[in-house]
Amino acid sequence: MAFQRLARAEEIPPGETRSVRVAAAPVILANWAGRIYALSGVCPHRHNPLEGARVWDYLLDCPWHHFQYDVRSGENHYPKNVYPADYPRLQEQLRPLRTYPVQVRDGDVWVDLG
């Protein structure tokens, strides 16, 4: 799939997010330190929408259960940093968020969802 225009960069201030839908797929756009990131718009923990999520430092905070994901890689940060590594049932909850390539062109945010 080719890059698609999803928003204007100015619509996503630093530390904020914006939820968009592309076909049936929810996508969350996050601005951390002036850079826009695109991730799956559904939290893999309980499959709740990430609409309303906030970004602090480099972490996207799910508004439902406060699972936190690195906007740069999609990797779970919390509760991964407190779960015991030898308890597989808890480890299953730590799936990463899918990330998508982003380009900002002339103030427009373009995302490749392929």
Protein backbone atom coordinates (compact mmCIF):
# COMPACT_ATOMS: atom_id res chain seq x y z
CA MET A 1 0.00 0.00 0.00
CA ALA A 2 1.26 3.47 -0.78
CA PHE A 3 1.52 6.43 1.55
CA GLN A 4 -1.82 8.09 2.32
CA ARG A 5 -2.47 11.59 3.64
CA LEU A 6 -4.07 11.26 7.09
CA ALA A 7 -3.83 14.70 8.73
CA ARG A 8 -2.11 18.06 8.93
CA ALA A 9 0.88 18.05 11.27
CA GLU A 10 -0.41 21.21 12.98
CA GLU A 11 -3.50 19.25 14.08
CA ILE A 12 -1.32 17.12 16.37
CA PRO A 13 0.49 19.35 18.89
CA PRO A 14 3.49 17.97 20.84
CA GLY A 15 2.38 15.51 23.50
CA GLU A 16 -0.98 14.98 21.82
CA THR A 17 -2.53 12.29 19.66
CA ARG A 18 -5.14 12.13 16.95
CA SER A 19 -7.18 9.08 16.04
CA VAL A 20 -8.08 8.47 12.41
CA ARG A 21 -9.67 5.60 10.52
CA VAL A 22 -8.38 4.29 7.24
CA ALA A 23 -10.97 1.96 5.76
CA ALA A 24 -11.83 -0.08 8.88
CA ALA A 25 -8.42 0.26 10.50
CA PRO A 26 -7.99 2.68 13.42
CA VAL A 27 -4.65 4.51 13.45
CA ILE A 28 -3.28 6.77 16.16
CA LEU A 29 -0.97 9.62 15.23
CA ALA A 30 1.26 10.80 18.05
CA ASN A 31 3.53 13.84 18.31
CA TRP A 32 6.53 13.41 20.56
CA ALA A 33 9.13 16.18 20.58
CA GLY A 34 7.85 17.56 17.28
CA ARG A 35 8.03 14.28 15.38
CA ILE A 36 4.89 12.46 14.22
CA TYR A 37 4.54 8.70 14.73
CA ALA A 38 1.79 6.38 13.47
CA LEU A 39 0.72 3.27 15.35
CA SER A 40 -2.17 0.84 15.43
CA GLY A 41 -5.15 2.54 17.06
CA VAL A 42 -6.08 -0.50 19.17
CA CYS A 43 -4.32 -1.45 22.40
CA PRO A 44 -3.19 -5.09 22.17
CA HIS A 45 -3.79 -5.61 25.91
CA ARG A 46 -7.63 -5.69 25.83
CA HIS A 47 -8.28 -4.49 22.26
CA ASN A 48 -9.64 -1.13 23.40
CA PRO A 49 -9.35 1.94 21.15
CA LEU A 50 -6.44 4.27 21.83
CA GLU A 51 -8.48 7.38 21.10
CA GLY A 52 -7.67 9.91 23.82
CA ALA A 53 -4.23 8.46 24.55
CA ARG A 54 -1.55 10.90 25.71
CA VAL A 55 2.17 11.00 25.01
CA TRP A 56 4.74 11.83 27.65
CA ASP A 57 8.45 11.38 27.19
CA TYR A 58 8.34 8.89 24.31
CA LEU A 59 5.49 6.78 25.71
CA LEU A 60 1.94 6.47 24.44
CA ASP A 61 -0.33 5.90 27.45
CA CYS A 62 -3.49 3.84 26.82
CA PRO A 63 -6.45 5.65 28.39
CA TRP A 64 -8.08 2.37 29.51
CA HIS A 65 -5.50 0.47 31.60
CA HIS A 66 -2.42 2.71 31.26
CA PHE A 67 -0.37 0.23 29.32
CA GLN A 68 2.45 2.28 27.79
CA TYR A 69 4.10 1.85 24.41
CA ASP A 70 7.24 3.36 22.90
CA VAL A 71 6.01 5.53 19.99
CA ARG A 72 9.28 4.90 18.16
CA SER A 73 9.09 1.10 18.12
CA GLY A 74 5.65 0.10 19.44
CA GLU A 75 7.27 -1.96 22.20
CA ASN A 76 5.48 -2.22 25.51
CA HIS A 77 7.21 -0.27 28.28
CA TYR A 78 4.70 -0.64 31.11
CA PRO A 79 3.88 -3.08 32.60
CA LYS A 80 6.77 -4.94 30.89
CA ASN A 81 9.21 -3.15 33.18
CA VAL A 82 7.45 -4.56 36.29
CA TYR A 83 6.13 -7.96 35.15
CA PRO A 84 8.26 -10.97 36.14
CA ALA A 85 9.90 -12.46 33.05
CA ASP A 86 9.25 -16.02 34.24
CA TYR A 87 5.44 -15.72 34.31
CA PRO A 88 4.29 -16.51 30.74
CA ARG A 89 0.63 -15.61 31.30
CA LEU A 90 1.59 -12.02 32.09
CA GLN A 91 4.13 -11.89 29.28
CA GLU A 92 1.36 -12.67 26.76
CA GLN A 93 -0.20 -9.26 27.54
CA LEU A 94 2.89 -7.39 26.38
CA ARG A 95 2.42 -7.55 22.63
CA PRO A 96 3.74 -4.45 20.84
CA LEU A 97 1.70 -1.92 18.91
CA ARG A 98 2.16 -2.06 15.17
CA THR A 99 4.02 0.97 13.83
CA TYR A 100 3.80 2.51 10.37
CA PRO A 101 6.24 4.60 8.33
CA VAL A 102 5.46 8.34 8.41
CA GLN A 103 6.48 11.21 6.17
CA VAL A 104 5.60 14.86 6.70
CA ARG A 105 5.37 16.66 3.36
CA ASP A 106 4.48 20.34 3.19
CA GLY A 107 2.78 20.10 6.59
CA ASP A 108 0.73 17.01 5.68
CA VAL A 109 1.17 13.70 7.53
CA TRP A 110 1.50 10.75 5.13
CA VAL A 111 1.43 7.18 6.46
CA ASP A 112 2.16 3.88 4.72
CA LEU A 113 -0.25 1.30 6.19
CA GLY A 114 0.99 -1.51 3.94
